[in-house]
PDB file of N, CA and C in Angstrom:
ATOM      1  N   MET A   1      -3.275  13.425  -3.586  1.00  0.00           N
ATOM      2  CA  MET A   1      -3.799  12.218  -2.995  1.00  0.00           C
ATOM      3  C   MET A   1      -3.184  12.076  -1.604  1.00  0.00           C
ATOM      4  N   GLY A   2      -4.042  11.877  -0.615  1.00  0.00           N
ATOM      5  CA  GLY A   2      -3.571  11.765   0.750  1.00  0.00           C
ATOM      6  C   GLY A   2      -3.062  10.373   1.082  1.00  0.00           C
ATOM      7  N   LEU A   3      -2.536  10.266   2.256  1.00  0.00           N
ATOM      8  CA  LEU A   3      -1.970   8.998   2.704  1.00  0.00           C
ATOM      9  C   LEU A   3      -3.025   7.898   2.760  1.00  0.00           C
ATOM     10  N   SER A   4      -4.217   8.229   3.243  1.00  0.00           N
ATOM     11  CA  SER A   4      -5.283   7.223   3.335  1.00  0.00           C
ATOM     12  C   SER A   4      -5.683   6.698   1.961  1.00  0.00           C
ATOM     13  N   GLU A   5      -5.776   7.601   0.991  1.00  0.00           N
ATOM     14  CA  GLU A   5      -6.155   7.177  -0.357  1.00  0.00           C
ATOM     15  C   GLU A   5      -5.076   6.287  -0.973  1.00  0.00           C
ATOM     16  N   LYS A   6      -3.816   6.623  -0.709  1.00  0.00           N
ATOM     17  CA  LYS A   6      -2.717   5.810  -1.243  1.00  0.00           C
ATOM     18  C   LYS A   6      -2.715   4.422  -0.616  1.00  0.00           C
ATOM     19  N   VAL A   7      -2.974   4.344   0.685  1.00  0.00           N
ATOM     20  CA  VAL A   7      -3.022   3.043   1.346  1.00  0.00           C
ATOM     21  C   VAL A   7      -4.197   2.233   0.811  1.00  0.00           C
ATOM     22  N   GLN A   8      -5.335   2.899   0.576  1.00  0.00           N
ATOM     23  CA  GLN A   8      -6.492   2.208   0.017  1.00  0.00           C
ATOM     24  C   GLN A   8      -6.187   1.689  -1.394  1.00  0.00           C
ATOM     25  N   GLU A   9      -5.519   2.507  -2.201  1.00  0.00           N
ATOM     26  CA  GLU A   9      -5.136   2.071  -3.546  1.00  0.00           C
ATOM     27  C   GLU A   9      -4.152   0.895  -3.473  1.00  0.00           C
ATOM     28  N   LEU A  10      -3.244   0.953  -2.504  1.00  0.00           N
ATOM     29  CA  LEU A  10      -2.291  -0.142  -2.315  1.00  0.00           C
ATOM     30  C   LEU A  10      -3.023  -1.431  -1.958  1.00  0.00           C
ATOM     31  N   GLN A  11      -4.054  -1.334  -1.130  1.00  0.00           N
ATOM     32  CA  GLN A  11      -4.845  -2.510  -0.776  1.00  0.00           C
ATOM     33  C   GLN A  11      -5.544  -3.087  -2.003  1.00  0.00           C
ATOM     34  N   GLN A  12      -6.116  -2.215  -2.834  1.00  0.00           N
ATOM     35  CA  GLN A  12      -6.790  -2.669  -4.052  1.00  0.00           C
ATOM     36  C   GLN A  12      -5.811  -3.345  -5.007  1.00  0.00           C
ATOM     37  N   ILE A  13      -4.647  -2.771  -5.158  1.00  0.00           N
ATOM     38  CA  ILE A  13      -3.642  -3.347  -6.054  1.00  0.00           C
ATOM     39  C   ILE A  13      -3.189  -4.704  -5.520  1.00  0.00           C
ATOM     40  N   SER A  14      -3.019  -4.813  -4.209  1.00  0.00           N
ATOM     41  CA  SER A  14      -2.603  -6.091  -3.616  1.00  0.00           C
ATOM     42  C   SER A  14      -3.654  -7.167  -3.858  1.00  0.00           C
ATOM     43  N   GLN A  15      -4.925  -6.794  -3.751  1.00  0.00           N
ATOM     44  CA  GLN A  15      -5.995  -7.753  -4.022  1.00  0.00           C
ATOM     45  C   GLN A  15      -6.008  -8.154  -5.493  1.00  0.00           C
ATOM     46  N   SER A  16      -5.783  -7.199  -6.382  1.00  0.00           N
ATOM     47  CA  SER A  16      -5.736  -7.496  -7.816  1.00  0.00           C
ATOM     48  C   SER A  16      -4.578  -8.427  -8.145  1.00  0.00           C
ATOM     49  N   ILE A  17      -3.446  -8.210  -7.505  1.00  0.00           N
ATOM     50  CA  ILE A  17      -2.281  -9.062  -7.744  1.00  0.00           C
ATOM     51  C   ILE A  17      -2.570 -10.489  -7.320  1.00  0.00           C
ATOM     52  N   ILE A  18      -3.219 -10.660  -6.181  1.00  0.00           N
ATOM     53  CA  ILE A  18      -3.553 -12.007  -5.706  1.00  0.00           C
ATOM     54  C   ILE A  18      -4.494 -12.700  -6.682  1.00  0.00           C
ATOM     55  N   SER A  19      -5.520 -11.976  -7.170  1.00  0.00           N
ATOM     56  CA  SER A  19      -6.456 -12.602  -8.111  1.00  0.00           C
ATOM     57  C   SER A  19      -5.772 -12.917  -9.443  1.00  0.00           C
ATOM     58  N   LEU A  20      -4.875 -12.042  -9.898  1.00  0.00           N
ATOM     59  CA  LEU A  20      -4.152 -12.317 -11.147  1.00  0.00           C
ATOM     60  C   LEU A  20      -3.200 -13.497 -11.005  1.00  0.00           C
ATOM     61  N   GLN A  21      -2.630 -13.668  -9.825  1.00  0.00           N
ATOM     62  CA  GLN A  21      -1.768 -14.833  -9.612  1.00  0.00           C
ATOM     63  C   GLN A  21      -2.582 -16.118  -9.696  1.00  0.00           C
ATOM     64  N   ASN A  22      -3.815 -16.086  -9.196  1.00  0.00           N
ATOM     65  CA  ASN A  22      -4.683 -17.254  -9.303  1.00  0.00           C
ATOM     66  C   ASN A  22      -5.039 -17.545 -10.756  1.00  0.00           C
ATOM     67  N   ILE A  23      -5.325 -16.480 -11.518  1.00  0.00           N
ATOM     68  CA  ILE A  23      -5.630 -16.660 -12.940  1.00  0.00           C
ATOM     69  C   ILE A  23      -4.411 -17.196 -13.679  1.00  0.00           C
ATOM     70  N   ARG A  24      -3.230 -16.710 -13.315  1.00  0.00           N
ATOM     71  CA  ARG A  24      -1.997 -17.201 -13.946  1.00  0.00           C
ATOM     72  C   ARG A  24      -1.809 -18.691 -13.672  1.00  0.00           C
ATOM     73  N   ASN A  25      -2.103 -19.125 -12.448  1.00  0.00           N
ATOM     74  CA  ASN A  25      -1.992 -20.553 -12.125  1.00  0.00           C
ATOM     75  C   ASN A  25      -2.948 -21.380 -12.976  1.00  0.00           C
ATOM     76  N   ILE A  26      -4.148 -20.860 -13.207  1.00  0.00           N
ATOM     77  CA  ILE A  26      -5.090 -21.552 -14.092  1.00  0.00           C
ATOM     78  C   ILE A  26      -4.535 -21.578 -15.510  1.00  0.00           C
ATOM     79  N   GLY A  27      -3.907 -20.476 -15.919  1.00  0.00           N
ATOM     80  CA  GLY A  27      -3.288 -20.425 -17.249  1.00  0.00           C
ATOM     81  C   GLY A  27      -2.200 -21.463 -17.412  1.00  0.00           C
ATOM     82  N   TYR A  28      -1.425 -21.704 -16.347  1.00  0.00           N
ATOM     83  CA  TYR A  28      -0.399 -22.752 -16.416  1.00  0.00           C
ATOM     84  C   TYR A  28      -1.039 -24.119 -16.636  1.00  0.00           C
ATOM     85  N   LEU A  29      -2.189 -24.337 -16.017  1.00  0.00           N
ATOM     86  CA  LEU A  29      -2.885 -25.609 -16.212  1.00  0.00           C
ATOM     87  C   LEU A  29      -3.448 -25.734 -17.630  1.00  0.00           C
ATOM     88  N   LEU A  30      -3.751 -24.606 -18.251  1.00  0.00           N
ATOM     89  CA  LEU A  30      -4.331 -24.615 -19.600  1.00  0.00           C
ATOM     90  C   LEU A  30      -3.286 -24.573 -20.717  1.00  0.00           C
ATOM     91  N   ILE A  31      -2.007 -24.576 -20.367  1.00  0.00           N
ATOM     92  CA  ILE A  31      -0.959 -24.521 -21.401  1.00  0.00           C
ATOM     93  C   ILE A  31      -1.079 -25.660 -22.412  1.00  0.00           C
ATOM     94  N   PRO A  32      -1.413 -26.884 -21.986  1.00  0.00           N
ATOM     95  CA  PRO A  32      -1.574 -27.934 -23.012  1.00  0.00           C
ATOM     96  C   PRO A  32      -2.652 -27.602 -24.044  1.00  0.00           C
ATOM     97  N   ILE A  33      -3.635 -26.803 -23.663  1.00  0.00           N
ATOM     98  CA  ILE A  33      -4.664 -26.359 -24.613  1.00  0.00           C
ATOM     99  C   ILE A  33      -4.257 -24.957 -25.052  1.00  0.00           C
ATOM    100  N   ILE A  34      -3.401 -24.778 -25.903  1.00  0.00           N
ATOM    101  CA  ILE A  34      -2.726 -23.574 -26.389  1.00  0.00           C
ATOM    102  C   ILE A  34      -3.207 -22.248 -25.765  1.00  0.00           C
ATOM    103  N   ILE A  35      -4.465 -22.121 -25.403  1.00  0.00           N
ATOM    104  CA  ILE A  35      -4.982 -20.856 -24.859  1.00  0.00           C
ATOM    105  C   ILE A  35      -4.267 -20.458 -23.571  1.00  0.00           C
ATOM    106  N   GLY A  36      -3.759 -21.422 -22.831  1.00  0.00           N
ATOM    107  CA  GLY A  36      -3.067 -21.133 -21.583  1.00  0.00           C
ATOM    108  C   GLY A  36      -1.835 -20.270 -21.780  1.00  0.00           C
ATOM    109  N   ILE A  37      -1.166 -20.437 -22.909  1.00  0.00           N
ATOM    110  CA  ILE A  37       0.031 -19.638 -23.195  1.00  0.00           C
ATOM    111  C   ILE A  37      -0.340 -18.156 -23.279  1.00  0.00           C
ATOM    112  N   PHE A  38      -1.443 -17.862 -23.971  1.00  0.00           N
ATOM    113  CA  PHE A  38      -1.887 -16.472 -24.106  1.00  0.00           C
ATOM    114  C   PHE A  38      -2.342 -15.908 -22.757  1.00  0.00           C
ATOM    115  N   VAL A  39      -3.028 -16.736 -21.975  1.00  0.00           N
ATOM    116  CA  VAL A  39      -3.480 -16.299 -20.656  1.00  0.00           C
ATOM    117  C   VAL A  39      -2.278 -15.944 -19.786  1.00  0.00           C
ATOM    118  N   VAL A  40      -1.279 -16.801 -19.759  1.00  0.00           N
ATOM    119  CA  VAL A  40      -0.094 -16.573 -18.931  1.00  0.00           C
ATOM    120  C   VAL A  40       0.652 -15.315 -19.383  1.00  0.00           C
ATOM    121  N   ILE A  41       0.807 -15.137 -20.687  1.00  0.00           N
ATOM    122  CA  ILE A  41       1.520 -13.960 -21.201  1.00  0.00           C
ATOM    123  C   ILE A  41       0.785 -12.673 -20.835  1.00  0.00           C
ATOM    124  N   LEU A  42      -0.536 -12.639 -21.048  1.00  0.00           N
ATOM    125  CA  LEU A  42      -1.308 -11.433 -20.743  1.00  0.00           C
ATOM    126  C   LEU A  42      -1.336 -11.138 -19.247  1.00  0.00           C
ATOM    127  N   VAL A  43      -1.488 -12.172 -18.453  1.00  0.00           N
ATOM    128  CA  VAL A  43      -1.541 -11.975 -17.001  1.00  0.00           C
ATOM    129  C   VAL A  43      -0.177 -11.524 -16.479  1.00  0.00           C
ATOM    130  N   ASN A  44       0.900 -12.069 -17.026  1.00  0.00           N
ATOM    131  CA  ASN A  44       2.236 -11.655 -16.583  1.00  0.00           C
ATOM    132  C   ASN A  44       2.492 -10.179 -16.891  1.00  0.00           C
ATOM    133  N   LYS A  45       2.020  -9.699 -18.051  1.00  0.00           N
ATOM    134  CA  LYS A  45       2.179  -8.280 -18.380  1.00  0.00           C
ATOM    135  C   LYS A  45       1.412  -7.413 -17.392  1.00  0.00           C
ATOM    136  N   LYS A  46       0.171  -7.811 -17.109  1.00  0.00           N
ATOM    137  CA  LYS A  46      -0.649  -7.040 -16.170  1.00  0.00           C
ATOM    138  C   LYS A  46      -0.055  -7.093 -14.764  1.00  0.00           C
ATOM    139  N   LEU A  47       0.461  -8.256 -14.350  1.00  0.00           N
ATOM    140  CA  LEU A  47       1.103  -8.374 -13.039  1.00  0.00           C
ATOM    141  C   LEU A  47       2.305  -7.446 -12.936  1.00  0.00           C
ATOM    142  N   LYS A  48       3.102  -7.388 -13.976  1.00  0.00           N
ATOM    143  CA  LYS A  48       4.277  -6.517 -13.984  1.00  0.00           C
ATOM    144  C   LYS A  48       3.866  -5.060 -13.810  1.00  0.00           C
ATOM    145  N   GLN A  49       2.805  -4.648 -14.524  1.00  0.00           N
ATOM    146  CA  GLN A  49       2.323  -3.271 -14.401  1.00  0.00           C
ATOM    147  C   GLN A  49       1.843  -2.980 -12.982  1.00  0.00           C
ATOM    148  N   LEU A  50       1.079  -3.904 -12.403  1.00  0.00           N
ATOM    149  CA  LEU A  50       0.553  -3.703 -11.053  1.00  0.00           C
ATOM    150  C   LEU A  50       1.674  -3.675 -10.017  1.00  0.00           C
ATOM    151  N   ILE A  51       2.653  -4.529 -10.179  1.00  0.00           N
ATOM    152  CA  ILE A  51       3.766  -4.572  -9.223  1.00  0.00           C
ATOM    153  C   ILE A  51       4.594  -3.291  -9.322  1.00  0.00           C
ATOM    154  N   ASP A  52       4.796  -2.794 -10.544  1.00  0.00           N
ATOM    155  CA  ASP A  52       5.503  -1.519 -10.704  1.00  0.00           C
ATOM    156  C   ASP A  52       4.719  -0.379 -10.065  1.00  0.00           C
ATOM    157  N   ARG A  53       3.406  -0.375 -10.284  1.00  0.00           N
ATOM    158  CA  ARG A  53       2.558   0.671  -9.693  1.00  0.00           C
ATOM    159  C   ARG A  53       2.589   0.579  -8.162  1.00  0.00           C
ATOM    160  N   ARG A  54       2.556  -0.648  -7.646  1.00  0.00           N
ATOM    161  CA  ARG A  54       2.590  -0.835  -6.195  1.00  0.00           C
ATOM    162  C   ARG A  54       3.919  -0.345  -5.625  1.00  0.00           C
ATOM    163  N   HIS A  55       4.995  -0.572  -6.339  1.00  0.00           N
ATOM    164  CA  HIS A  55       6.307  -0.102  -5.886  1.00  0.00           C
ATOM    165  C   HIS A  55       6.330   1.429  -5.806  1.00  0.00           C
ATOM    166  N   ILE A  56       5.763   2.085  -6.813  1.00  0.00           N
ATOM    167  CA  ILE A  56       5.702   3.549  -6.814  1.00  0.00           C
ATOM    168  C   ILE A  56       4.859   4.047  -5.639  1.00  0.00           C
ATOM    169  N   ILE A  57       3.727   3.406  -5.406  1.00  0.00           N
ATOM    170  CA  ILE A  57       2.847   3.814  -4.305  1.00  0.00           C
ATOM    171  C   ILE A  57       3.537   3.608  -2.967  1.00  0.00           C
ATOM    172  N   VAL A  58       4.260   2.513  -2.816  1.00  0.00           N
ATOM    173  CA  VAL A  58       4.975   2.260  -1.557  1.00  0.00           C
ATOM    174  C   VAL A  58       6.007   3.355  -1.311  1.00  0.00           C
ATOM    175  N   GLN A  59       6.714   3.782  -2.346  1.00  0.00           N
ATOM    176  CA  GLN A  59       7.676   4.876  -2.187  1.00  0.00           C
ATOM    177  C   GLN A  59       6.984   6.168  -1.782  1.00  0.00           C
ATOM    178  N   GLU A  60       5.825   6.455  -2.402  1.00  0.00           N
ATOM    179  CA  GLU A  60       5.071   7.652  -2.043  1.00  0.00           C
ATOM    180  C   GLU A  60       4.573   7.573  -0.603  1.00  0.00           C
ATOM    181  N   ILE A  61       4.127   6.387  -0.192  1.00  0.00           N
ATOM    182  CA  ILE A  61       3.636   6.201   1.172  1.00  0.00           C
ATOM    183  C   ILE A  61       4.781   6.370   2.169  1.00  0.00           C
ATOM    184  N   GLU A  62       5.954   5.852   1.837  1.00  0.00           N
ATOM    185  CA  GLU A  62       7.107   6.030   2.729  1.00  0.00           C
ATOM    186  C   GLU A  62       7.422   7.516   2.909  1.00  0.00           C
ATOM    187  N   TYR A  63       7.378   8.269   1.825  1.00  0.00           N
ATOM    188  CA  TYR A  63       7.642   9.710   1.913  1.00  0.00           C
ATOM    189  C   TYR A  63       6.559  10.399   2.752  1.00  0.00           C
ATOM    190  N   ASP A  64       5.289  10.102   2.447  1.00  0.00           N
ATOM    191  CA  ASP A  64       4.185  10.707   3.197  1.00  0.00           C
ATOM    192  C   ASP A  64       4.228  10.328   4.665  1.00  0.00           C
ATOM    193  N   THR A  65       4.615   9.094   4.949  1.00  0.00           N
ATOM    194  CA  THR A  65       4.718   8.644   6.332  1.00  0.00           C
ATOM    195  C   THR A  65       5.797   9.430   7.060  1.00  0.00           C
ATOM    196  N   GLN A  66       6.912   9.657   6.405  1.00  0.00           N
ATOM    197  CA  GLN A  66       7.990  10.444   7.016  1.00  0.00           C
ATOM    198  C   GLN A  66       7.528  11.872   7.283  1.00  0.00           C
ATOM    199  N   VAL A  67       6.837  12.474   6.317  1.00  0.00           N
ATOM    200  CA  VAL A  67       6.327  13.840   6.480  1.00  0.00           C
ATOM    201  C   VAL A  67       5.322  13.890   7.630  1.00  0.00           C
ATOM    202  N   THR A  68       4.407  12.929   7.672  1.00  0.00           N
ATOM    203  CA  THR A  68       3.395  12.887   8.734  1.00  0.00           C
ATOM    204  C   THR A  68       4.047  12.668  10.089  1.00  0.00           C
ATOM    205  N   PHE A  69       5.033  11.792  10.135  1.00  0.00           N
ATOM    206  CA  PHE A  69       5.741  11.547  11.395  1.00  0.00           C
ATOM    207  C   PHE A  69       6.413  12.820  11.885  1.00  0.00           C
ATOM    208  N   ASN A  70       7.067  13.541  10.985  1.00  0.00           N
ATOM    209  CA  ASN A  70       7.713  14.804  11.367  1.00  0.00           C
ATOM    210  C   ASN A  70       6.681  15.818  11.865  1.00  0.00           C
ATOM    211  N   GLN A  71       5.526  15.868  11.196  1.00  0.00           N
ATOM    212  CA  GLN A  71       4.475  16.789  11.607  1.00  0.00           C
ATOM    213  C   GLN A  71       3.928  16.415  12.989  1.00  0.00           C
ATOM    214  N   LEU A  72       3.702  15.130  13.215  1.00  0.00           N
ATOM    215  CA  LEU A  72       3.218  14.688  14.525  1.00  0.00           C
ATOM    216  C   LEU A  72       4.253  14.968  15.616  1.00  0.00           C
ATOM    217  N   SER A  73       5.512  14.771  15.298  1.00  0.00           N
ATOM    218  CA  SER A  73       6.571  15.057  16.270  1.00  0.00           C
ATOM    219  C   SER A  73       6.602  16.550  16.608  1.00  0.00           C
ATOM    220  N   LYS A  74       6.421  17.389  15.588  1.00  0.00           N
ATOM    221  CA  LYS A  74       6.405  18.838  15.811  1.00  0.00           C
ATOM    222  C   LYS A  74       5.220  19.235  16.691  1.00  0.00           C
ATOM    223  N   TRP A  75       4.045  18.633  16.425  1.00  0.00           N
ATOM    224  CA  TRP A  75       2.866  18.917  17.249  1.00  0.00           C
ATOM    225  C   TRP A  75       3.101  18.488  18.694  1.00  0.00           C
ATOM    226  N   GLN A  76       3.692  17.320  18.833  1.00  0.00           N
ATOM    227  CA  GLN A  76       3.948  16.818  20.186  1.00  0.00           C
ATOM    228  C   GLN A  76       4.892  17.756  20.935  1.00  0.00           C
ATOM    229  N   ARG A  77       5.957  18.175  20.274  1.00  0.00           N
ATOM    230  CA  ARG A  77       6.893  19.100  20.921  1.00  0.00           C
ATOM    231  C   ARG A  77       6.211  20.412  21.296  1.00  0.00           C
ATOM    232  N   SER A  78       5.376  20.925  20.393  1.00  0.00           N
ATOM    233  CA  SER A  78       4.707  22.199  20.687  1.00  0.00           C
ATOM    234  C   SER A  78       3.720  22.054  21.843  1.00  0.00           C
ATOM    235  N   ILE A  79       3.064  20.914  21.938  1.00  0.00           N
ATOM    236  CA  ILE A  79       2.133  20.683  23.049  1.00  0.00           C
ATOM    237  C   ILE A  79       2.902  20.585  24.359  1.00  0.00           C
ATOM    238  N   ILE A  80       4.003  19.868  24.341  1.00  0.00           N
ATOM    239  CA  ILE A  80       4.795  19.693  25.561  1.00  0.00           C
ATOM    240  C   ILE A  80       5.431  21.018  25.985  1.00  0.00           C
ATOM    241  N   GLU A  81       5.975  21.766  25.023  1.00  0.00           N
ATOM    242  CA  GLU A  81       6.667  23.010  25.351  1.00  0.00           C
ATOM    243  C   GLU A  81       5.711  24.128  25.752  1.00  0.00           C
ATOM    244  N   SER A  82       4.510  24.134  25.190  1.00  0.00           N
ATOM    245  CA  SER A  82       3.587  25.223  25.506  1.00  0.00           C
ATOM    246  C   SER A  82       2.976  25.065  26.892  1.00  0.00           C
ATOM    247  N   ASN A  83       2.911  23.832  27.390  1.00  0.00           N
ATOM    248  CA  ASN A  83       2.445  23.563  28.742  1.00  0.00           C
ATOM    249  C   ASN A  83       1.064  24.168  28.986  1.00  0.00           C
ATOM    250  N   THR A  84       0.172  24.010  27.997  1.00  0.00           N
ATOM    251  CA  THR A  84      -1.195  24.505  28.136  1.00  0.00           C
ATOM    252  C   THR A  84      -2.165  23.366  27.902  1.00  0.00           C
ATOM    253  N   TYR A  85      -3.405  23.614  28.261  1.00  0.00           N
ATOM    254  CA  TYR A  85      -4.444  22.626  28.003  1.00  0.00           C
ATOM    255  C   TYR A  85      -4.946  22.787  26.575  1.00  0.00           C
ATOM    256  N   LEU A  86      -5.349  21.677  25.997  1.00  0.00           N
ATOM    257  CA  LEU A  86      -5.863  21.723  24.629  1.00  0.00           C
ATOM    258  C   LEU A  86      -7.382  21.918  24.637  1.00  0.00           C
ATOM    259  N   ILE A  87      -7.856  22.629  23.649  1.00  0.00           N
ATOM    260  CA  ILE A  87      -9.292  22.732  23.437  1.00  0.00           C
ATOM    261  C   ILE A  87      -9.754  21.365  22.936  1.00  0.00           C
ATOM    262  N   TYR A  88     -10.966  20.958  23.319  1.00  0.00           N
ATOM    263  CA  TYR A  88     -11.426  19.607  23.029  1.00  0.00           C
ATOM    264  C   TYR A  88     -11.372  19.278  21.543  1.00  0.00           C
ATOM    265  N   HIS A  89     -11.859  20.176  20.672  1.00  0.00           N
ATOM    266  CA  HIS A  89     -11.890  19.833  19.249  1.00  0.00           C
ATOM    267  C   HIS A  89     -10.482  19.713  18.663  1.00  0.00           C
ATOM    268  N   LYS A  90      -9.515  20.460  19.171  1.00  0.00           N
ATOM    269  CA  LYS A  90      -8.136  20.311  18.689  1.00  0.00           C
ATOM    270  C   LYS A  90      -7.568  18.976  19.152  1.00  0.00           C
ATOM    271  N   LYS A  91      -7.853  18.626  20.403  1.00  0.00           N
ATOM    272  CA  LYS A  91      -7.376  17.351  20.923  1.00  0.00           C
ATOM    273  C   LYS A  91      -7.990  16.201  20.131  1.00  0.00           C
ATOM    274  N   ALA A  92      -9.278  16.273  19.841  1.00  0.00           N
ATOM    275  CA  ALA A  92      -9.952  15.230  19.060  1.00  0.00           C
ATOM    276  C   ALA A  92      -9.371  15.157  17.649  1.00  0.00           C
ATOM    277  N   ASP A  93      -9.060  16.306  17.063  1.00  0.00           N
ATOM    278  CA  ASP A  93      -8.465  16.339  15.727  1.00  0.00           C
ATOM    279  C   ASP A  93      -7.097  15.661  15.726  1.00  0.00           C
ATOM    280  N   TYR A  94      -6.275  15.965  16.724  1.00  0.00           N
ATOM    281  CA  TYR A  94      -4.953  15.344  16.825  1.00  0.00           C
ATOM    282  C   TYR A  94      -5.078  13.832  17.000  1.00  0.00           C
ATOM    283  N   LEU A  95      -6.001  13.419  17.845  1.00  0.00           N
ATOM    284  CA  LEU A  95      -6.176  11.984  18.086  1.00  0.00           C
ATOM    285  C   LEU A  95      -6.692  11.268  16.845  1.00  0.00           C
ATOM    286  N   ASP A  96      -7.598  11.886  16.101  1.00  0.00           N
ATOM    287  CA  ASP A  96      -8.100  11.284  14.866  1.00  0.00           C
ATOM    288  C   ASP A  96      -6.979  11.113  13.842  1.00  0.00           C
ATOM    289  N   LYS A  97      -6.153  12.131  13.697  1.00  0.00           N
ATOM    290  CA  LYS A  97      -5.039  12.040  12.748  1.00  0.00           C
ATOM    291  C   LYS A  97      -4.052  10.953  13.166  1.00  0.00           C
ATOM    292  N   CYS A  98      -3.803  10.853  14.458  1.00  0.00           N
ATOM    293  CA  CYS A  98      -2.901   9.805  14.945  1.00  0.00           C
ATOM    294  C   CYS A  98      -3.494   8.417  14.713  1.00  0.00           C
ATOM    295  N   ASP A  99      -4.813   8.272  14.922  1.00  0.00           N
ATOM    296  CA  ASP A  99      -5.461   6.974  14.695  1.00  0.00           C
ATOM    297  C   ASP A  99      -5.394   6.561  13.231  1.00  0.00           C
ATOM    298  N   ILE A 100      -5.641   7.494  12.324  1.00  0.00           N
ATOM    299  CA  ILE A 100      -5.559   7.198  10.893  1.00  0.00           C
ATOM    300  C   ILE A 100      -4.132   6.789  10.528  1.00  0.00           C
ATOM    301  N   PHE A 101      -3.171   7.511  11.038  1.00  0.00           N
ATOM    302  CA  PHE A 101      -1.771   7.225  10.775  1.00  0.00           C
ATOM    303  C   PHE A 101      -1.404   5.822  11.273  1.00  0.00           C
ATOM    304  N   LEU A 102      -1.844   5.484  12.463  1.00  0.00           N
ATOM    305  CA  LEU A 102      -1.535   4.167  13.028  1.00  0.00           C
ATOM    306  C   LEU A 102      -2.221   3.045  12.258  1.00  0.00           C
ATOM    307  N   ARG A 103      -3.441   3.255  11.801  1.00  0.00           N
ATOM    308  CA  ARG A 103      -4.129   2.232  10.999  1.00  0.00           C
ATOM    309  C   ARG A 103      -3.394   1.985   9.686  1.00  0.00           C
ATOM    310  N   ASN A 104      -2.934   3.067   9.051  1.00  0.00           N
ATOM    311  CA  ASN A 104      -2.189   2.919   7.798  1.00  0.00           C
ATOM    312  C   ASN A 104      -0.885   2.169   8.015  1.00  0.00           C
ATOM    313  N   ILE A 105      -0.203   2.484   9.083  1.00  0.00           N
ATOM    314  CA  ILE A 105       1.049   1.789   9.383  1.00  0.00           C
ATOM    315  C   ILE A 105       0.786   0.321   9.700  1.00  0.00           C
ATOM    316  N   ALA A 106      -0.311   0.024  10.402  1.00  0.00           N
ATOM    317  CA  ALA A 106      -0.650  -1.364  10.722  1.00  0.00           C
ATOM    318  C   ALA A 106      -0.896  -2.163   9.446  1.00  0.00           C
ATOM    319  N   PHE A 107      -1.574  -1.554   8.450  1.00  0.00           N
ATOM    320  CA  PHE A 107      -1.788  -2.256   7.193  1.00  0.00           C
ATOM    321  C   PHE A 107      -0.468  -2.508   6.488  1.00  0.00           C
ATOM    322  N   LEU A 108       0.389  -1.500   6.449  1.00  0.00           N
ATOM    323  CA  LEU A 108       1.665  -1.658   5.759  1.00  0.00           C
ATOM    324  C   LEU A 108       2.504  -2.746   6.417  1.00  0.00           C
ATOM    325  N   GLY A 109       2.408  -2.882   7.732  1.00  0.00           N
ATOM    326  CA  GLY A 109       3.153  -3.921   8.421  1.00  0.00           C
ATOM    327  C   GLY A 109       2.614  -5.308   8.133  1.00  0.00           C
ATOM    328  N   SER A 110       1.309  -5.407   7.860  1.00  0.00           N
ATOM    329  CA  SER A 110       0.711  -6.720   7.639  1.00  0.00           C
ATOM    330  C   SER A 110       0.699  -7.129   6.174  1.00  0.00           C
ATOM    331  N   ASP A 111       0.790  -6.163   5.260  1.00  0.00           N
ATOM    332  CA  ASP A 111       0.713  -6.459   3.834  1.00  0.00           C
ATOM    333  C   ASP A 111       1.990  -7.112   3.347  1.00  0.00           C
ATOM    334  N   LYS A 112       1.835  -8.096   2.476  1.00  0.00           N
ATOM    335  CA  LYS A 112       3.004  -8.699   1.839  1.00  0.00           C
ATOM    336  C   LYS A 112       3.416  -7.772   0.707  1.00  0.00           C
ATOM    337  N   LEU A 113       4.485  -7.037   0.904  1.00  0.00           N
ATOM    338  CA  LEU A 113       4.910  -6.074  -0.104  1.00  0.00           C
ATOM    339  C   LEU A 113       5.835  -6.689  -1.134  1.00  0.00           C
ATOM    340  N   THR A 114       6.169  -7.928  -0.959  1.00  0.00           N
ATOM    341  CA  THR A 114       6.978  -8.593  -1.966  1.00  0.00           C
ATOM    342  C   THR A 114       6.179  -9.743  -2.541  1.00  0.00           C
ATOM    343  N   VAL A 115       6.251  -9.912  -3.825  1.00  0.00           N
ATOM    344  CA  VAL A 115       5.528 -10.971  -4.511  1.00  0.00           C
ATOM    345  C   VAL A 115       6.555 -11.831  -5.219  1.00  0.00           C
ATOM    346  N   ASP A 116       6.394 -13.132  -5.102  1.00  0.00           N
ATOM    347  CA  ASP A 116       7.302 -14.030  -5.805  1.00  0.00           C
ATOM    348  C   ASP A 116       6.990 -13.978  -7.295  1.00  0.00           C
ATOM    349  N   LEU A 117       7.962 -13.561  -8.057  1.00  0.00           N
ATOM    350  CA  LEU A 117       7.793 -13.470  -9.498  1.00  0.00           C
ATOM    351  C   LEU A 117       8.566 -14.588 -10.176  1.00  0.00           C
ATOM    352  N   PRO A 118       7.987 -15.131 -11.227  1.00  0.00           N
ATOM    353  CA  PRO A 118       8.754 -16.106 -11.989  1.00  0.00           C
ATOM    354  C   PRO A 118       9.951 -15.430 -12.635  1.00  0.00           C
ATOM    355  N   PHE A 119      10.971 -16.206 -12.932  1.00  0.00           N
ATOM    356  CA  PHE A 119      12.213 -15.652 -13.450  1.00  0.00           C
ATOM    357  C   PHE A 119      12.042 -14.946 -14.779  1.00  0.00           C
ATOM    358  N   PHE A 120      10.991 -15.279 -15.562  1.00  0.00           N
ATOM    359  CA  PHE A 120      10.865 -14.705 -16.897  1.00  0.00           C
ATOM    360  C   PHE A 120      10.093 -13.393 -16.916  1.00  0.00           C
ATOM    361  N   ILE A 121       9.616 -12.914 -15.760  1.00  0.00           N
ATOM    362  CA  ILE A 121       8.912 -11.618 -15.733  1.00  0.00           C
ATOM    363  C   ILE A 121       9.896 -10.484 -15.511  1.00  0.00           C
ATOM    364  N   SER A 122      10.938 -10.693 -14.748  1.00  0.00           N
ATOM    365  CA  SER A 122      11.844  -9.607 -14.424  1.00  0.00           C
ATOM    366  C   SER A 122      12.486  -9.073 -15.637  1.00  0.00           C
TER     367      SER A 122
END
């Protein structure tokens, strides 16, 4: 799985977590009608699974980002040291990879990677 796919999966998981938090809030309102207790328990289990999965994906993305950064740095050094002109399709390929990398980093910077958990989920 590439970096883009992992970032996309991270976005999906973040959206799922937000929707589950909303359902959990509704479950808290339904606690007086016994069904709310079951809703809160089930949603908390699913939230825990999603948060654990998101943590694993974030670690994988950090590793992939480091690898990609090292690769981009190596390309940059080779371009500077070779002191030659680039063929257009190679230049376009390098720029596309850099754009994808920057978009992924921009998402990671904007995403809330921490979620407030109630004390009884940890």
